[in-house]
Amino acid sequence: MDFDMAFYKDFAFSERAKLQFRGELFNIFNHTNFNAIDPNFGSGTFGQVTSAADPRIIEFALRLEF
């Protein structure tokens, strides 16, 4: 299980124009989320976790509306 969060702030320049600052955080606690366990009995990696989901990701954006 992971936790995501987003926030934004609008700044008005005039009646018709505004700038939005936005931040998005994915997997904010940086917990490891395992994706797949190898189910093939004959495989050398049988029963082992072979991949994990993305680590913490942070994105920032600016948006201009007019």
Protein backbone atom coordinates (compact mmCIF):
# COMPACT_ATOMS: atom_id res chain seq x y z
CA MET A 1 0.00 0.00 0.00
CA ASP A 2 1.31 3.45 -0.79
CA PHE A 3 0.09 6.94 -0.05
CA ASP A 4 -0.11 9.75 -2.60
CA MET A 5 -0.68 13.46 -2.03
CA ALA A 6 -1.23 16.56 -4.17
CA PHE A 7 -1.45 20.27 -3.42
CA TYR A 8 -1.80 23.48 -5.39
CA LYS A 9 -1.89 27.24 -4.92
CA ASP A 10 -3.47 29.75 -7.30
CA PHE A 11 -2.03 33.24 -7.78
CA ALA A 12 -4.31 35.74 -9.56
CA PHE A 13 -2.60 38.39 -11.71
CA SER A 14 -5.75 39.95 -13.10
CA GLU A 15 -9.39 39.05 -13.64
CA ARG A 16 -8.47 36.82 -16.57
CA ALA A 17 -4.99 35.51 -15.75
CA LYS A 18 -3.81 33.24 -12.98
CA LEU A 19 -0.79 31.10 -12.26
CA GLN A 20 -1.14 27.75 -10.52
CA PHE A 21 1.74 26.10 -8.64
CA ARG A 22 1.14 22.37 -8.18
CA GLY A 23 3.00 19.62 -6.36
CA GLU A 24 2.31 15.88 -6.46
CA LEU A 25 3.95 13.25 -4.27
CA PHE A 26 3.66 9.54 -4.98
CA ASN A 27 4.54 6.89 -2.36
CA ILE A 28 5.27 9.66 0.14
CA PHE A 29 6.41 7.29 2.93
CA ASN A 30 8.72 5.45 0.48
CA HIS A 31 7.50 1.98 1.50
CA THR A 32 8.67 -0.87 -0.69
CA ASN A 33 5.78 -2.36 -2.67
CA PHE A 34 6.72 -5.73 -4.12
CA ASN A 35 5.22 -6.53 -7.52
CA ALA A 36 5.87 -10.12 -8.46
CA ILE A 37 6.96 -13.38 -6.89
CA ASP A 38 8.33 -15.94 -9.35
CA PRO A 39 5.74 -18.80 -9.46
CA ASN A 40 7.75 -21.13 -11.74
CA PHE A 41 8.83 -24.17 -9.70
CA GLY A 42 11.70 -25.04 -12.04
CA SER A 43 13.14 -21.53 -11.98
CA GLY A 44 16.25 -20.64 -10.01
CA THR A 45 14.40 -17.69 -8.53
CA PHE A 46 11.27 -19.66 -7.48
CA GLY A 47 9.44 -17.94 -4.63
CA GLN A 48 11.66 -14.86 -4.72
CA VAL A 49 10.47 -11.32 -5.30
CA THR A 50 11.66 -10.28 -8.74
CA SER A 51 10.53 -6.63 -8.89
CA ALA A 52 9.22 -3.72 -6.86
CA ALA A 53 7.02 -0.70 -7.57
CA ASP A 54 8.39 2.80 -8.04
CA PRO A 55 10.10 4.56 -5.12
CA ARG A 56 9.04 8.00 -3.91
CA ILE A 57 8.37 10.38 -6.80
CA ILE A 58 7.87 14.15 -6.44
CA GLU A 59 6.61 16.32 -9.30
CA PHE A 60 6.18 20.09 -9.49
CA ALA A 61 4.35 22.06 -12.17
CA LEU A 62 3.38 25.62 -13.12
CA ARG A 63 0.21 26.30 -15.07
CA LEU A 64 -0.71 29.65 -16.59
CA GLU A 65 -4.37 30.27 -17.41
CA PHE A 66 -5.51 33.35 -19.36
